[in-house]
């Protein structure tokens, strides 16, 4: 079985992925895969963004993040460079259908990946809670947080409606309701 977890920034994807790992799913962290792919394409990335992204001899990922969340064209160029390699890595991992996988993916828009999933779990989380998490966890400046939120404002389940089962998880202020939703979804996907 292959499940994908997606949602807007700071909606709680990592926490929910941990729940599925505790229930024998193998986690595929797309952020980690993208960091590896990103590191392997240093020269190409510098061509896109210029030498201003270099700090202490390395690419400053935080600087690149600030650029892509404020410049749509640069974001598209970076995605066109990274996404094919990232998705190929994911496809390679999930080709072993002897295991159950949970794919933690911030931006799920690839139709081929969606069609290989048994279900998608979409996390809904209140805006103020997401801002609080970003401030606390990532130490982002408020302007950076709002840039990310604005860039993801149209991110929704529209990419996978009709092609896969979608489960909605409410990740708000109540951990009791969250756990109830997670157990319900786990039972549903395990029953098929």
C-alpha atoms as a PDB file:
ATOM      1  CA  UNK A   1       0.000   0.000   0.000  1.00  0.00           C
ATOM      2  CA  UNK A   2       1.216   3.496  -0.838  1.00  0.00           C
ATOM      3  CA  UNK A   3      -0.214   6.546   0.917  1.00  0.00           C
ATOM      4  CA  UNK A   4       0.783  10.162   0.384  1.00  0.00           C
ATOM      5  CA  UNK A   5       0.489  12.893   2.991  1.00  0.00           C
ATOM      6  CA  UNK A   6       0.267  16.441   1.748  1.00  0.00           C
ATOM      7  CA  UNK A   7      -0.826  19.839   2.977  1.00  0.00           C
ATOM      8  CA  UNK A   8       0.286  23.414   3.250  1.00  0.00           C
ATOM      9  CA  UNK A   9       3.453  24.462   5.093  1.00  0.00           C
ATOM     10  CA  UNK A  10       3.517  23.699   8.809  1.00  0.00           C
ATOM     11  CA  UNK A  11       0.251  21.746   8.682  1.00  0.00           C
ATOM     12  CA  UNK A  12       1.780  18.834  10.610  1.00  0.00           C
ATOM     13  CA  UNK A  13       2.919  16.398   7.924  1.00  0.00           C
ATOM     14  CA  UNK A  14       5.900  15.141   9.938  1.00  0.00           C
ATOM     15  CA  UNK A  15       3.842  14.476  13.058  1.00  0.00           C
ATOM     16  CA  UNK A  16       1.232  12.553  11.091  1.00  0.00           C
ATOM     17  CA  UNK A  17       3.909  10.627   9.187  1.00  0.00           C
ATOM     18  CA  UNK A  18       5.276   9.489  12.561  1.00  0.00           C
ATOM     19  CA  UNK A  19       1.870   8.033  13.416  1.00  0.00           C
ATOM     20  CA  UNK A  20       1.945   5.882  10.276  1.00  0.00           C
ATOM     21  CA  UNK A  21       5.555   4.842  10.944  1.00  0.00           C
ATOM     22  CA  UNK A  22       4.419   3.604  14.367  1.00  0.00           C
ATOM     23  CA  UNK A  23       1.879   1.507  12.471  1.00  0.00           C
ATOM     24  CA  UNK A  24       4.477  -0.256  10.296  1.00  0.00           C
ATOM     25  CA  UNK A  25       4.585   2.085   7.293  1.00  0.00           C
ATOM     26  CA  UNK A  26       7.953   2.960   5.789  1.00  0.00           C
ATOM     27  CA  UNK A  27       8.332   6.704   5.537  1.00  0.00           C
ATOM     28  CA  UNK A  28       9.553   8.408   2.374  1.00  0.00           C
ATOM     29  CA  UNK A  29      10.513  11.963   3.279  1.00  0.00           C
ATOM     30  CA  UNK A  30      10.465  13.950   0.049  1.00  0.00           C
ATOM     31  CA  UNK A  31      12.193  16.895   1.748  1.00  0.00           C
ATOM     32  CA  UNK A  32      15.210  14.637   2.406  1.00  0.00           C
ATOM     33  CA  UNK A  33      15.183  13.310  -1.157  1.00  0.00           C
ATOM     34  CA  UNK A  34      14.966  16.855  -2.522  1.00  0.00           C
ATOM     35  CA  UNK A  35      17.933  17.935  -0.365  1.00  0.00           C
ATOM     36  CA  UNK A  36      20.022  15.099  -1.829  1.00  0.00           C
ATOM     37  CA  UNK A  37      18.969  15.941  -5.389  1.00  0.00           C
ATOM     38  CA  UNK A  38      19.534  19.653  -4.700  1.00  0.00           C
ATOM     39  CA  UNK A  39      23.085  18.934  -3.474  1.00  0.00           C
ATOM     40  CA  UNK A  40      23.856  16.926  -6.600  1.00  0.00           C
ATOM     41  CA  UNK A  41      22.880  19.819  -8.922  1.00  0.00           C
ATOM     42  CA  UNK A  42      24.935  22.678  -7.489  1.00  0.00           C
ATOM     43  CA  UNK A  43      26.176  24.081 -10.799  1.00  0.00           C
ATOM     44  CA  UNK A  44      22.746  24.002 -12.431  1.00  0.00           C
ATOM     45  CA  UNK A  45      21.191  25.744  -9.427  1.00  0.00           C
ATOM     46  CA  UNK A  46      23.822  28.484  -9.481  1.00  0.00           C
ATOM     47  CA  UNK A  47      23.001  29.034 -13.170  1.00  0.00           C
ATOM     48  CA  UNK A  48      19.380  29.649 -12.231  1.00  0.00           C
ATOM     49  CA  UNK A  49      19.942  31.897  -9.210  1.00  0.00           C
ATOM     50  CA  UNK A  50      23.404  33.396  -9.690  1.00  0.00           C
ATOM     51  CA  UNK A  51      26.351  33.600  -7.328  1.00  0.00           C
ATOM     52  CA  UNK A  52      24.365  35.604  -4.740  1.00  0.00           C
ATOM     53  CA  UNK A  53      23.106  32.337  -3.262  1.00  0.00           C
ATOM     54  CA  UNK A  54      26.625  31.232  -2.280  1.00  0.00           C
ATOM     55  CA  UNK A  55      27.581  31.659   1.395  1.00  0.00           C
ATOM     56  CA  UNK A  56      30.745  30.211   2.921  1.00  0.00           C
ATOM     57  CA  UNK A  57      31.416  28.236  -0.245  1.00  0.00           C
ATOM     58  CA  UNK A  58      28.010  26.511  -0.269  1.00  0.00           C
ATOM     59  CA  UNK A  59      24.559  27.248  -1.591  1.00  0.00           C
ATOM     60  CA  UNK A  60      22.500  29.014   1.068  1.00  0.00           C
ATOM     61  CA  UNK A  61      19.282  26.978   0.950  1.00  0.00           C
ATOM     62  CA  UNK A  62      17.454  29.522   3.084  1.00  0.00           C
ATOM     63  CA  UNK A  63      18.313  32.254   0.561  1.00  0.00           C
ATOM     64  CA  UNK A  64      17.090  30.056  -2.306  1.00  0.00           C
ATOM     65  CA  UNK A  65      13.866  29.478  -0.341  1.00  0.00           C
ATOM     66  CA  UNK A  66      13.332  33.204   0.067  1.00  0.00           C
ATOM     67  CA  UNK A  67      13.791  33.701  -3.676  1.00  0.00           C
ATOM     68  CA  UNK A  68      11.493  30.914  -4.839  1.00  0.00           C
ATOM     69  CA  UNK A  69       8.685  31.951  -2.531  1.00  0.00           C
ATOM     70  CA  UNK A  70       8.801  35.506  -3.862  1.00  0.00           C
ATOM     71  CA  UNK A  71       9.653  34.824  -7.539  1.00  0.00           C
ATOM     72  CA  UNK A  72       7.339  32.397  -9.322  1.00  0.00           C
ATOM     73  CA  UNK A  73       9.540  32.117 -12.432  1.00  0.00           C
ATOM     74  CA  UNK A  74      12.581  31.059 -10.389  1.00  0.00           C
ATOM     75  CA  UNK A  75      10.423  28.580  -8.464  1.00  0.00           C
ATOM     76  CA  UNK A  76       9.209  27.025 -11.726  1.00  0.00           C
ATOM     77  CA  UNK A  77      12.770  26.783 -13.081  1.00  0.00           C
ATOM     78  CA  UNK A  78      13.973  25.070  -9.918  1.00  0.00           C
ATOM     79  CA  UNK A  79      11.010  22.671  -9.912  1.00  0.00           C
ATOM     80  CA  UNK A  80      11.647  21.748 -13.557  1.00  0.00           C
ATOM     81  CA  UNK A  81      15.233  20.917 -12.637  1.00  0.00           C
ATOM     82  CA  UNK A  82      14.577  18.995  -9.412  1.00  0.00           C
ATOM     83  CA  UNK A  83      11.186  17.315  -9.735  1.00  0.00           C
ATOM     84  CA  UNK A  84      11.962  14.696 -12.410  1.00  0.00           C
ATOM     85  CA  UNK A  85      14.881  13.368 -10.350  1.00  0.00           C
ATOM     86  CA  UNK A  86      12.923  13.503  -7.094  1.00  0.00           C
ATOM     87  CA  UNK A  87       9.969  11.604  -8.550  1.00  0.00           C
ATOM     88  CA  UNK A  88      12.222   8.996 -10.158  1.00  0.00           C
ATOM     89  CA  UNK A  89      13.727   8.320  -6.727  1.00  0.00           C
ATOM     90  CA  UNK A  90      10.268   7.954  -5.177  1.00  0.00           C
ATOM     91  CA  UNK A  91       9.138   5.611  -7.977  1.00  0.00           C
ATOM     92  CA  UNK A  92      12.225   3.488  -7.424  1.00  0.00           C
ATOM     93  CA  UNK A  93      11.475   3.132  -3.702  1.00  0.00           C
ATOM     94  CA  UNK A  94       7.759   2.317  -4.019  1.00  0.00           C
ATOM     95  CA  UNK A  95       8.323  -0.210  -6.796  1.00  0.00           C
ATOM     96  CA  UNK A  96       8.883  -2.728  -3.967  1.00  0.00           C
ATOM     97  CA  UNK A  97       5.237  -3.459  -3.238  1.00  0.00           C
ATOM     98  CA  UNK A  98       6.050  -5.822  -0.351  1.00  0.00           C
ATOM     99  CA  UNK A  99       6.039  -2.872   2.059  1.00  0.00           C
ATOM    100  CA  UNK A 100       3.531  -0.220   3.043  1.00  0.00           C
ATOM    101  CA  UNK A 101       4.777   3.310   2.360  1.00  0.00           C
ATOM    102  CA  UNK A 102       3.796   6.739   3.584  1.00  0.00           C
ATOM    103  CA  UNK A 103       5.105   9.534   1.335  1.00  0.00           C
ATOM    104  CA  UNK A 104       5.538  12.832   3.174  1.00  0.00           C
ATOM    105  CA  UNK A 105       5.355  15.303   0.305  1.00  0.00           C
ATOM    106  CA  UNK A 106       4.738  19.038   0.622  1.00  0.00           C
ATOM    107  CA  UNK A 107       3.730  19.610  -3.005  1.00  0.00           C
ATOM    108  CA  UNK A 108       1.841  16.714  -4.553  1.00  0.00           C
ATOM    109  CA  UNK A 109       1.044  17.601  -8.157  1.00  0.00           C
ATOM    110  CA  UNK A 110       2.653  14.790 -10.148  1.00  0.00           C
ATOM    111  CA  UNK A 111      -0.113  12.787 -11.833  1.00  0.00           C
ATOM    112  CA  UNK A 112       2.090   9.647 -12.194  1.00  0.00           C
ATOM    113  CA  UNK A 113       2.781   9.584  -8.456  1.00  0.00           C
ATOM    114  CA  UNK A 114      -0.836  10.218  -7.552  1.00  0.00           C
ATOM    115  CA  UNK A 115      -1.932   7.277  -9.714  1.00  0.00           C
ATOM    116  CA  UNK A 116       0.534   4.993  -7.887  1.00  0.00           C
ATOM    117  CA  UNK A 117      -0.972   5.878  -4.509  1.00  0.00           C
ATOM    118  CA  UNK A 118      -3.796   3.969  -2.866  1.00  0.00           C
ATOM    119  CA  UNK A 119      -4.911   7.121  -1.071  1.00  0.00           C
ATOM    120  CA  UNK A 120      -3.913  10.699  -0.316  1.00  0.00           C
ATOM    121  CA  UNK A 121      -4.198  12.214   3.133  1.00  0.00           C
ATOM    122  CA  UNK A 122      -4.737  15.969   2.993  1.00  0.00           C
ATOM    123  CA  UNK A 123      -3.990  17.837   6.202  1.00  0.00           C
ATOM    124  CA  UNK A 124      -6.075  20.849   7.119  1.00  0.00           C
ATOM    125  CA  UNK A 125      -4.624  23.130   9.761  1.00  0.00           C
ATOM    126  CA  UNK A 126      -5.686  26.622  10.864  1.00  0.00           C
ATOM    127  CA  UNK A 127      -3.622  29.473   9.469  1.00  0.00           C
ATOM    128  CA  UNK A 128      -2.696  30.930  12.860  1.00  0.00           C
ATOM    129  CA  UNK A 129      -1.535  27.548  14.122  1.00  0.00           C
ATOM    130  CA  UNK A 130       0.615  27.095  11.014  1.00  0.00           C
ATOM    131  CA  UNK A 131       2.179  30.534  11.554  1.00  0.00           C
ATOM    132  CA  UNK A 132       2.844  29.673  15.216  1.00  0.00           C
ATOM    133  CA  UNK A 133       4.527  26.390  14.222  1.00  0.00           C
ATOM    134  CA  UNK A 134       6.693  28.126  11.621  1.00  0.00           C
ATOM    135  CA  UNK A 135       7.833  30.737  14.125  1.00  0.00           C
ATOM    136  CA  UNK A 136       8.539  28.162  16.811  1.00  0.00           C
ATOM    137  CA  UNK A 137       9.973  25.279  14.788  1.00  0.00           C
ATOM    138  CA  UNK A 138      11.750  26.928  11.888  1.00  0.00           C
ATOM    139  CA  UNK A 139      12.607  30.330  13.375  1.00  0.00           C
ATOM    140  CA  UNK A 140      11.482  31.968  10.146  1.00  0.00           C
ATOM    141  CA  UNK A 141      10.949  35.681   9.996  1.00  0.00           C
ATOM    142  CA  UNK A 142       7.329  36.691   9.696  1.00  0.00           C
ATOM    143  CA  UNK A 143       7.817  38.036   6.158  1.00  0.00           C
ATOM    144  CA  UNK A 144       9.275  34.693   5.059  1.00  0.00           C
ATOM    145  CA  UNK A 145       6.351  32.805   6.580  1.00  0.00           C
ATOM    146  CA  UNK A 146       3.826  35.009   4.784  1.00  0.00           C
ATOM    147  CA  UNK A 147       5.719  34.600   1.487  1.00  0.00           C
ATOM    148  CA  UNK A 148       5.390  30.821   1.818  1.00  0.00           C
ATOM    149  CA  UNK A 149       1.739  31.024   2.778  1.00  0.00           C
ATOM    150  CA  UNK A 150       0.952  33.293  -0.174  1.00  0.00           C
ATOM    151  CA  UNK A 151       2.879  31.025  -2.567  1.00  0.00           C
ATOM    152  CA  UNK A 152       0.834  28.035  -1.352  1.00  0.00           C
ATOM    153  CA  UNK A 153      -2.544  29.761  -1.149  1.00  0.00           C
ATOM    154  CA  UNK A 154      -3.902  27.821  -4.150  1.00  0.00           C
ATOM    155  CA  UNK A 155      -2.416  24.495  -3.066  1.00  0.00           C
ATOM    156  CA  UNK A 156      -5.294  22.072  -2.676  1.00  0.00           C
ATOM    157  CA  UNK A 157      -6.556  18.612  -3.488  1.00  0.00           C
ATOM    158  CA  UNK A 158      -7.560  19.696  -7.009  1.00  0.00           C
ATOM    159  CA  UNK A 159      -4.577  17.827  -8.460  1.00  0.00           C
ATOM    160  CA  UNK A 160      -5.782  14.412  -7.369  1.00  0.00           C
ATOM    161  CA  UNK A 161      -9.558  14.595  -7.210  1.00  0.00           C
ATOM    162  CA  UNK A 162     -11.194  11.758  -9.077  1.00  0.00           C
ATOM    163  CA  UNK A 163      -8.060   9.634  -9.414  1.00  0.00           C
ATOM    164  CA  UNK A 164      -7.462   8.480  -5.836  1.00  0.00           C
ATOM    165  CA  UNK A 165      -9.256   8.241  -2.493  1.00  0.00           C
ATOM    166  CA  UNK A 166      -8.751  11.395  -0.423  1.00  0.00           C
ATOM    167  CA  UNK A 167      -8.890  11.499   3.366  1.00  0.00           C
ATOM    168  CA  UNK A 168      -8.956  14.800   5.232  1.00  0.00           C
ATOM    169  CA  UNK A 169      -7.222  15.151   8.574  1.00  0.00           C
ATOM    170  CA  UNK A 170      -7.984  18.076  10.881  1.00  0.00           C
ATOM    171  CA  UNK A 171      -4.757  19.040  12.605  1.00  0.00           C
ATOM    172  CA  UNK A 172      -5.886  21.849  14.816  1.00  0.00           C
ATOM    173  CA  UNK A 173      -5.484  22.668  18.461  1.00  0.00           C
ATOM    174  CA  UNK A 174      -6.914  19.337  19.718  1.00  0.00           C
ATOM    175  CA  UNK A 175      -4.605  16.319  19.726  1.00  0.00           C
ATOM    176  CA  UNK A 176      -7.558  14.142  20.776  1.00  0.00           C
ATOM    177  CA  UNK A 177      -9.469  14.925  17.557  1.00  0.00           C
ATOM    178  CA  UNK A 178      -6.307  14.478  15.496  1.00  0.00           C
ATOM    179  CA  UNK A 179      -5.659  11.001  16.924  1.00  0.00           C
ATOM    180  CA  UNK A 180      -9.301  10.059  16.340  1.00  0.00           C
ATOM    181  CA  UNK A 181      -9.048  11.126  12.670  1.00  0.00           C
ATOM    182  CA  UNK A 182      -5.747   9.277  12.217  1.00  0.00           C
ATOM    183  CA  UNK A 183      -7.093   6.019  13.643  1.00  0.00           C
ATOM    184  CA  UNK A 184     -10.181   6.300  11.444  1.00  0.00           C
ATOM    185  CA  UNK A 185      -8.081   6.821   8.291  1.00  0.00           C
ATOM    186  CA  UNK A 186      -5.695   3.993   9.188  1.00  0.00           C
ATOM    187  CA  UNK A 187      -8.605   1.587   9.680  1.00  0.00           C
ATOM    188  CA  UNK A 188     -10.204   2.647   6.382  1.00  0.00           C
ATOM    189  CA  UNK A 189      -7.059   2.266   4.279  1.00  0.00           C
ATOM    190  CA  UNK A 190      -6.174  -1.072   5.860  1.00  0.00           C
ATOM    191  CA  UNK A 191      -9.626  -2.446   5.082  1.00  0.00           C
ATOM    192  CA  UNK A 192      -9.306  -1.240   1.475  1.00  0.00           C
END
